[in-house]
């Protein structure tokens, strides 16, 4: 899976990058993405990816992307497209 490193990215810019990357990955027939967000410097990005707001933001862009989240690692979240 491709990795997107979000270290040092503010929440607003991270949201844009997350939505853009997810859309591109899904449309490119990738099997998923790994977002590296860390957890020692704050959890805002991690919390966003793991929240319903992420799915709602995708829907507001007209995207209904089926996905599963792997949250087993504290510093990253994997998105898997079935």
N, C-alpha and C. Protein backbone atom coordinates (compact mmCIF):
# COMPACT_ATOMS: atom_id res chain seq x y z
N UNK A 1 0.85 -1.18 0.00
CA UNK A 1 0.00 0.00 0.00
C UNK A 1 0.89 1.24 0.00
N UNK A 2 0.43 2.25 -0.66
CA UNK A 2 1.17 3.51 -0.69
C UNK A 2 1.00 4.24 0.63
N UNK A 3 2.06 4.95 1.02
CA UNK A 3 2.05 5.70 2.28
C UNK A 3 2.01 7.19 2.00
N UNK A 4 1.22 7.89 2.80
CA UNK A 4 1.13 9.34 2.74
C UNK A 4 1.57 9.85 4.10
N UNK A 5 2.68 10.58 4.14
CA UNK A 5 3.22 11.09 5.40
C UNK A 5 2.63 12.47 5.68
N UNK A 6 1.93 12.58 6.79
CA UNK A 6 1.26 13.83 7.15
C UNK A 6 1.95 14.54 8.31
N UNK A 7 3.13 14.07 8.72
CA UNK A 7 3.87 14.73 9.79
C UNK A 7 4.12 16.19 9.43
N UNK A 8 3.93 17.07 10.38
CA UNK A 8 4.20 18.48 10.17
C UNK A 8 3.16 19.21 9.34
N UNK A 9 2.06 18.55 9.01
CA UNK A 9 1.00 19.16 8.22
C UNK A 9 -0.12 19.61 9.15
N UNK A 10 -0.59 20.83 8.98
CA UNK A 10 -1.72 21.31 9.77
C UNK A 10 -2.99 20.57 9.39
N UNK A 11 -3.98 20.61 10.27
CA UNK A 11 -5.21 19.85 10.06
C UNK A 11 -5.92 20.25 8.77
N UNK A 12 -6.03 21.53 8.48
CA UNK A 12 -6.73 21.97 7.27
C UNK A 12 -6.06 21.39 6.02
N UNK A 13 -4.74 21.56 5.92
CA UNK A 13 -4.02 21.04 4.76
C UNK A 13 -4.04 19.52 4.73
N UNK A 14 -3.98 18.90 5.90
CA UNK A 14 -4.03 17.43 5.97
C UNK A 14 -5.37 16.92 5.44
N UNK A 15 -6.46 17.58 5.80
CA UNK A 15 -7.78 17.15 5.31
C UNK A 15 -7.82 17.17 3.78
N UNK A 16 -7.31 18.24 3.18
CA UNK A 16 -7.30 18.33 1.72
C UNK A 16 -6.46 17.20 1.12
N UNK A 17 -5.29 16.96 1.71
CA UNK A 17 -4.40 15.92 1.19
C UNK A 17 -5.01 14.53 1.37
N UNK A 18 -5.68 14.31 2.48
CA UNK A 18 -6.31 13.01 2.76
C UNK A 18 -7.42 12.73 1.75
N UNK A 19 -8.28 13.70 1.53
CA UNK A 19 -9.39 13.52 0.59
C UNK A 19 -8.87 13.33 -0.84
N UNK A 20 -7.91 14.16 -1.23
CA UNK A 20 -7.33 14.05 -2.57
C UNK A 20 -6.64 12.70 -2.76
N UNK A 21 -5.86 12.28 -1.78
CA UNK A 21 -5.13 11.01 -1.88
C UNK A 21 -6.07 9.82 -1.91
N UNK A 22 -7.11 9.87 -1.09
CA UNK A 22 -8.07 8.77 -1.05
C UNK A 22 -8.80 8.65 -2.38
N UNK A 23 -9.22 9.78 -2.92
CA UNK A 23 -9.91 9.79 -4.22
C UNK A 23 -9.01 9.23 -5.32
N UNK A 24 -7.77 9.72 -5.37
CA UNK A 24 -6.83 9.27 -6.39
C UNK A 24 -6.54 7.78 -6.26
N UNK A 25 -6.34 7.32 -5.04
CA UNK A 25 -6.04 5.89 -4.81
C UNK A 25 -7.22 5.01 -5.24
N UNK A 26 -8.41 5.41 -4.86
CA UNK A 26 -9.60 4.62 -5.20
C UNK A 26 -9.81 4.57 -6.71
N UNK A 27 -9.65 5.71 -7.37
CA UNK A 27 -9.84 5.78 -8.82
C UNK A 27 -8.71 5.11 -9.59
N UNK A 28 -7.60 4.85 -8.94
CA UNK A 28 -6.45 4.19 -9.58
C UNK A 28 -6.42 2.70 -9.31
N UNK A 29 -7.47 2.19 -8.70
CA UNK A 29 -7.57 0.76 -8.38
C UNK A 29 -6.49 0.28 -7.42
N UNK A 30 -5.98 1.16 -6.57
CA UNK A 30 -5.06 0.73 -5.52
C UNK A 30 -5.87 -0.04 -4.49
N UNK A 31 -5.21 -0.86 -3.71
CA UNK A 31 -5.94 -1.62 -2.69
C UNK A 31 -6.10 -0.84 -1.39
N UNK A 32 -5.46 0.32 -1.28
CA UNK A 32 -5.60 1.13 -0.08
C UNK A 32 -4.44 2.09 0.10
N UNK A 33 -4.45 2.75 1.24
CA UNK A 33 -3.44 3.75 1.59
C UNK A 33 -3.09 3.62 3.06
N UNK A 34 -1.89 4.06 3.40
CA UNK A 34 -1.51 4.18 4.80
C UNK A 34 -1.21 5.65 5.05
N UNK A 35 -1.95 6.26 5.95
CA UNK A 35 -1.70 7.64 6.35
C UNK A 35 -0.85 7.61 7.61
N UNK A 36 0.34 8.18 7.53
CA UNK A 36 1.23 8.26 8.69
C UNK A 36 1.00 9.62 9.32
N UNK A 37 0.42 9.60 10.52
CA UNK A 37 0.06 10.85 11.19
C UNK A 37 0.77 11.06 12.50
N UNK A 38 1.41 10.02 13.03
CA UNK A 38 2.06 10.14 14.33
C UNK A 38 1.03 10.23 15.44
N UNK A 39 1.52 10.31 16.65
CA UNK A 39 0.60 10.46 17.78
C UNK A 39 1.21 11.18 18.96
N UNK A 40 2.51 11.42 18.96
CA UNK A 40 3.13 12.14 20.08
C UNK A 40 2.89 13.65 19.99
N UNK A 41 2.76 14.18 18.79
CA UNK A 41 2.61 15.61 18.60
C UNK A 41 1.17 16.08 18.54
N UNK A 42 0.23 15.22 18.84
CA UNK A 42 -1.19 15.55 18.77
C UNK A 42 -1.94 14.51 17.97
N UNK A 43 -3.24 14.50 18.14
CA UNK A 43 -4.04 13.44 17.52
C UNK A 43 -5.13 13.97 16.59
N UNK A 44 -5.09 15.24 16.25
CA UNK A 44 -6.18 15.82 15.44
C UNK A 44 -6.31 15.14 14.08
N UNK A 45 -5.20 14.89 13.41
CA UNK A 45 -5.25 14.26 12.09
C UNK A 45 -5.72 12.82 12.22
N UNK A 46 -5.16 12.10 13.17
CA UNK A 46 -5.59 10.71 13.41
C UNK A 46 -7.08 10.66 13.70
N UNK A 47 -7.53 11.54 14.59
CA UNK A 47 -8.94 11.54 14.97
C UNK A 47 -9.84 11.85 13.77
N UNK A 48 -9.39 12.75 12.89
CA UNK A 48 -10.18 13.08 11.70
C UNK A 48 -10.33 11.86 10.79
N UNK A 49 -9.21 11.20 10.49
CA UNK A 49 -9.26 10.04 9.58
C UNK A 49 -10.16 8.95 10.14
N UNK A 50 -10.16 8.80 11.44
CA UNK A 50 -10.91 7.73 12.09
C UNK A 50 -12.34 8.13 12.45
N UNK A 51 -12.76 9.32 12.02
CA UNK A 51 -14.09 9.82 12.40
C UNK A 51 -15.09 9.75 11.26
N UNK A 52 -16.35 9.96 11.61
CA UNK A 52 -17.40 10.03 10.60
C UNK A 52 -17.26 11.29 9.74
N UNK A 53 -16.56 12.30 10.24
CA UNK A 53 -16.39 13.54 9.47
C UNK A 53 -15.61 13.30 8.18
N UNK A 54 -14.65 12.38 8.22
CA UNK A 54 -13.89 12.03 7.02
C UNK A 54 -14.83 11.45 5.97
N UNK A 55 -15.66 10.51 6.36
CA UNK A 55 -16.62 9.89 5.44
C UNK A 55 -17.61 10.94 4.93
N UNK A 56 -18.05 11.83 5.81
CA UNK A 56 -18.98 12.89 5.40
C UNK A 56 -18.33 13.84 4.41
N UNK A 57 -17.06 14.17 4.63
CA UNK A 57 -16.36 15.05 3.69
C UNK A 57 -16.20 14.40 2.32
N UNK A 58 -15.92 13.10 2.31
CA UNK A 58 -15.87 12.38 1.03
C UNK A 58 -17.23 12.43 0.34
N UNK A 59 -18.30 12.20 1.10
CA UNK A 59 -19.65 12.22 0.55
C UNK A 59 -20.00 13.60 0.00
N UNK A 60 -19.56 14.65 0.69
CA UNK A 60 -19.86 16.01 0.21
C UNK A 60 -19.13 16.31 -1.10
N UNK A 61 -18.07 15.55 -1.39
CA UNK A 61 -17.35 15.67 -2.66
C UNK A 61 -17.96 14.74 -3.72
N UNK A 62 -19.06 14.07 -3.36
CA UNK A 62 -19.73 13.16 -4.29
C UNK A 62 -19.12 11.78 -4.33
N UNK A 63 -18.35 11.44 -3.31
CA UNK A 63 -17.65 10.15 -3.29
C UNK A 63 -18.24 9.23 -2.23
N UNK A 64 -18.69 8.09 -2.68
CA UNK A 64 -19.18 7.05 -1.77
C UNK A 64 -18.22 5.88 -1.91
N UNK A 65 -17.13 5.94 -1.16
CA UNK A 65 -16.05 4.97 -1.30
C UNK A 65 -16.16 3.92 -0.21
N UNK A 66 -16.37 2.65 -0.59
CA UNK A 66 -16.38 1.60 0.43
C UNK A 66 -14.96 1.38 0.94
N UNK A 67 -14.79 1.34 2.26
CA UNK A 67 -13.46 1.15 2.82
C UNK A 67 -13.54 0.60 4.23
N UNK A 68 -12.45 -0.02 4.62
CA UNK A 68 -12.26 -0.47 5.99
C UNK A 68 -11.06 0.26 6.55
N UNK A 69 -11.09 0.53 7.85
CA UNK A 69 -9.95 1.18 8.49
C UNK A 69 -9.20 0.17 9.34
N UNK A 70 -7.88 0.22 9.27
CA UNK A 70 -7.03 -0.55 10.17
C UNK A 70 -6.40 0.46 11.12
N UNK A 71 -6.81 0.42 12.37
CA UNK A 71 -6.34 1.37 13.37
C UNK A 71 -5.44 0.69 14.40
N UNK A 72 -4.84 -0.42 14.04
CA UNK A 72 -4.06 -1.20 14.99
C UNK A 72 -2.72 -0.55 15.37
N UNK A 73 -2.25 0.39 14.57
CA UNK A 73 -0.98 1.07 14.87
C UNK A 73 -1.29 2.50 15.30
N UNK A 74 -0.75 2.94 16.44
CA UNK A 74 -1.11 4.27 16.94
C UNK A 74 -0.63 5.43 16.07
N UNK A 75 0.43 5.25 15.30
CA UNK A 75 0.98 6.34 14.50
C UNK A 75 0.54 6.38 13.06
N UNK A 76 -0.32 5.43 12.68
CA UNK A 76 -0.80 5.41 11.30
C UNK A 76 -2.20 4.80 11.24
N UNK A 77 -2.89 5.14 10.17
CA UNK A 77 -4.20 4.56 9.89
C UNK A 77 -4.19 4.08 8.45
N UNK A 78 -4.56 2.83 8.26
CA UNK A 78 -4.63 2.26 6.91
C UNK A 78 -6.08 2.26 6.44
N UNK A 79 -6.26 2.64 5.19
CA UNK A 79 -7.57 2.58 4.55
C UNK A 79 -7.48 1.48 3.51
N UNK A 80 -8.37 0.51 3.61
CA UNK A 80 -8.37 -0.64 2.71
C UNK A 80 -9.65 -0.62 1.90
N UNK A 81 -9.50 -0.69 0.57
CA UNK A 81 -10.65 -0.74 -0.31
C UNK A 81 -10.98 -2.20 -0.57
N UNK A 82 -12.21 -2.64 -0.25
CA UNK A 82 -12.57 -4.05 -0.47
C UNK A 82 -12.66 -4.41 -1.95
